[in-house]
C-alpha atoms as a PDB file:
ATOM      1  CA  MET A   1      27.157  -8.822  -5.702  1.00  0.00           C
ATOM      2  CA  LYS A   2      23.331  -8.806  -5.612  1.00  0.00           C
ATOM      3  CA  ILE A   3      21.506  -7.124  -2.733  1.00  0.00           C
ATOM      4  CA  CYS A   4      18.061  -8.265  -1.372  1.00  0.00           C
ATOM      5  CA  GLU A   5      15.410  -5.593  -1.913  1.00  0.00           C
ATOM      6  CA  VAL A   6      13.551  -6.575   1.292  1.00  0.00           C
ATOM      7  CA  CYS A   7      16.332  -6.622   3.951  1.00  0.00           C
ATOM      8  CA  GLY A   8      19.179  -4.840   2.175  1.00  0.00           C
ATOM      9  CA  LEU A   9      21.654  -7.662   2.867  1.00  0.00           C
ATOM     10  CA  PRO A  10      23.743  -9.398   0.239  1.00  0.00           C
ATOM     11  CA  LYS A  11      21.843 -12.400  -1.315  1.00  0.00           C
ATOM     12  CA  GLU A  12      24.290 -14.796   0.244  1.00  0.00           C
ATOM     13  CA  LEU A  13      23.372 -13.618   3.813  1.00  0.00           C
ATOM     14  CA  CYS A  14      19.659 -12.919   3.133  1.00  0.00           C
ATOM     15  CA  VAL A  15      17.335 -14.771   5.532  1.00  0.00           C
ATOM     16  CA  CYS A  16      14.028 -13.301   4.215  1.00  0.00           C
ATOM     17  CA  GLU A  17      12.890 -16.589   2.628  1.00  0.00           C
ATOM     18  CA  GLU A  18      13.695 -18.614   5.755  1.00  0.00           C
ATOM     19  CA  ILE A  19      11.656 -16.247   7.928  1.00  0.00           C
ATOM     20  CA  ALA A  20       8.787 -16.293   5.384  1.00  0.00           C
ATOM     21  CA  ARG A  21       8.831 -20.146   5.449  1.00  0.00           C
ATOM     22  CA  GLU A  22       8.266 -20.223   9.294  1.00  0.00           C
ATOM     23  CA  ILE A  23       5.202 -17.990   9.144  1.00  0.00           C
ATOM     24  CA  GLN A  24       3.357 -19.514   6.076  1.00  0.00           C
ATOM     25  CA  ARG A  25      -0.021 -21.219   6.817  1.00  0.00           C
ATOM     26  CA  LEU A  26      -0.060 -24.099   4.292  1.00  0.00           C
ATOM     27  CA  LYS A  27      -2.946 -26.466   3.493  1.00  0.00           C
ATOM     28  CA  VAL A  28      -2.174 -29.847   1.972  1.00  0.00           C
ATOM     29  CA  TYR A  29      -5.185 -31.932   0.630  1.00  0.00           C
ATOM     30  CA  THR A  30      -6.072 -34.277  -2.127  1.00  0.00           C
ATOM     31  CA  VAL A  31      -8.778 -34.001  -4.865  1.00  0.00           C
ATOM     32  CA  ARG A  32     -10.042 -36.415  -7.377  1.00  0.00           C
ATOM     33  CA  ARG A  33      -9.767 -35.275 -10.956  1.00  0.00           C
ATOM     34  CA  ARG A  34     -10.972 -36.586 -14.288  1.00  0.00           C
ATOM     35  CA  PHE A  35     -10.854 -40.357 -14.832  1.00  0.00           C
ATOM     36  CA  GLY A  36     -10.401 -41.007 -11.088  1.00  0.00           C
ATOM     37  CA  LYS A  37      -6.895 -39.487 -10.883  1.00  0.00           C
ATOM     38  CA  ILE A  38      -5.848 -38.108  -7.528  1.00  0.00           C
ATOM     39  CA  MET A  39      -3.972 -34.793  -7.115  1.00  0.00           C
ATOM     40  CA  THR A  40      -2.264 -33.460  -4.077  1.00  0.00           C
ATOM     41  CA  ILE A  41      -2.748 -29.669  -3.694  1.00  0.00           C
ATOM     42  CA  ILE A  42      -0.528 -27.366  -1.561  1.00  0.00           C
ATOM     43  CA  GLU A  43      -2.203 -23.922  -0.913  1.00  0.00           C
ATOM     44  CA  GLY A  44      -1.281 -20.852   1.120  1.00  0.00           C
ATOM     45  CA  ILE A  45       2.200 -20.089  -0.294  1.00  0.00           C
ATOM     46  CA  ASN A  46       2.997 -16.403  -0.610  1.00  0.00           C
ATOM     47  CA  GLU A  47       4.543 -16.116  -4.101  1.00  0.00           C
ATOM     48  CA  GLN A  48       6.228 -12.752  -3.266  1.00  0.00           C
ATOM     49  CA  GLU A  49       8.282 -14.252  -0.350  1.00  0.00           C
ATOM     50  CA  ILE A  50       8.947 -17.782  -1.635  1.00  0.00           C
ATOM     51  CA  ASP A  51      10.039 -19.002  -5.034  1.00  0.00           C
ATOM     52  CA  ILE A  52       7.127 -21.239  -5.870  1.00  0.00           C
ATOM     53  CA  LYS A  53       8.684 -22.622  -9.069  1.00  0.00           C
ATOM     54  CA  GLU A  54      11.801 -23.755  -7.180  1.00  0.00           C
ATOM     55  CA  LEU A  55       9.650 -25.321  -4.413  1.00  0.00           C
ATOM     56  CA  THR A  56       7.539 -27.171  -6.967  1.00  0.00           C
ATOM     57  CA  LYS A  57      10.682 -28.509  -8.598  1.00  0.00           C
ATOM     58  CA  THR A  58      11.989 -29.809  -5.288  1.00  0.00           C
ATOM     59  CA  LEU A  59       8.699 -31.362  -4.319  1.00  0.00           C
ATOM     60  CA  LYS A  60       8.300 -33.089  -7.709  1.00  0.00           C
ATOM     61  CA  ALA A  61      11.825 -34.591  -7.341  1.00  0.00           C
ATOM     62  CA  LYS A  62      11.400 -35.700  -3.731  1.00  0.00           C
ATOM     63  CA  CYS A  63       7.927 -37.286  -4.412  1.00  0.00           C
ATOM     64  CA  ALA A  64       9.034 -38.710  -7.776  1.00  0.00           C
ATOM     65  CA  CYS A  65       5.914 -37.425  -9.473  1.00  0.00           C
ATOM     66  CA  GLY A  66       4.763 -34.822 -12.000  1.00  0.00           C
ATOM     67  CA  GLY A  67       3.153 -31.566 -11.114  1.00  0.00           C
ATOM     68  CA  THR A  68       2.782 -27.866 -11.725  1.00  0.00           C
ATOM     69  CA  ALA A  69       2.497 -24.486 -10.029  1.00  0.00           C
ATOM     70  CA  LYS A  70      -0.753 -22.720 -10.932  1.00  0.00           C
ATOM     71  CA  LYS A  71      -2.632 -19.743  -9.408  1.00  0.00           C
ATOM     72  CA  GLY A  72      -0.406 -19.613  -6.286  1.00  0.00           C
ATOM     73  CA  ARG A  73      -0.701 -23.308  -5.448  1.00  0.00           C
ATOM     74  CA  ILE A  74       1.234 -26.427  -6.215  1.00  0.00           C
ATOM     75  CA  GLU A  75      -0.425 -29.498  -7.810  1.00  0.00           C
ATOM     76  CA  LEU A  76       1.263 -32.886  -7.619  1.00  0.00           C
ATOM     77  CA  GLN A  77       0.053 -35.968  -9.371  1.00  0.00           C
ATOM     78  CA  GLY A  78      -0.909 -38.726  -6.864  1.00  0.00           C
ATOM     79  CA  ASP A  79      -1.513 -38.918  -3.100  1.00  0.00           C
ATOM     80  CA  HIS A  80       1.574 -37.518  -1.400  1.00  0.00           C
ATOM     81  CA  LYS A  81       0.180 -35.695   1.642  1.00  0.00           C
ATOM     82  CA  LYS A  82       2.467 -37.351   4.250  1.00  0.00           C
ATOM     83  CA  LYS A  83       5.540 -37.158   2.008  1.00  0.00           C
ATOM     84  CA  VAL A  84       4.859 -33.492   1.214  1.00  0.00           C
ATOM     85  CA  LYS A  85       4.683 -32.560   4.916  1.00  0.00           C
ATOM     86  CA  LYS A  86       7.978 -34.315   5.677  1.00  0.00           C
ATOM     87  CA  VAL A  87       9.718 -32.636   2.712  1.00  0.00           C
ATOM     88  CA  LEU A  88       8.282 -29.206   3.692  1.00  0.00           C
ATOM     89  CA  VAL A  89       9.544 -29.535   7.258  1.00  0.00           C
ATOM     90  CA  GLU A  90      12.971 -30.483   5.889  1.00  0.00           C
ATOM     91  CA  LEU A  91      12.919 -27.344   3.729  1.00  0.00           C
ATOM     92  CA  GLY A  92      12.382 -25.112   6.864  1.00  0.00           C
ATOM     93  CA  PHE A  93       8.534 -24.819   7.061  1.00  0.00           C
ATOM     94  CA  SER A  94       7.150 -25.093  10.597  1.00  0.00           C
ATOM     95  CA  PRO A  95       5.267 -28.381  11.148  1.00  0.00           C
ATOM     96  CA  ASP A  96       2.658 -26.549  13.206  1.00  0.00           C
ATOM     97  CA  THR A  97       1.694 -24.391  10.259  1.00  0.00           C
ATOM     98  CA  ILE A  98       1.065 -27.277   7.797  1.00  0.00           C
ATOM     99  CA  GLU A  99      -2.484 -28.399   7.900  1.00  0.00           C
ATOM    100  CA  ILE A 100      -3.239 -31.755   6.233  1.00  0.00           C
ATOM    101  CA  ARG A 101      -6.903 -32.524   5.389  1.00  0.00           C
END
């Protein structure tokens, strides 16, 4: 049985990630890349508290697009600002802390 380093509870009972999700200040915006391609960027995720690779995988599946996690931010191909906010709220992030530009 694995034990969480932060709270000392077993991994099955650990709530550290849920608490971390509620206090994150996320920014969601789009940028235009080479050849006129649009990318949706999600910034403000604390990599020590939240598994950014797993979050990227979930967002890519829900938005049906490609993407990556680089330098503490998630990049998704295409304009998915509204869809990303909806999915993040479903995953436990507070809607008040998600800023869409």
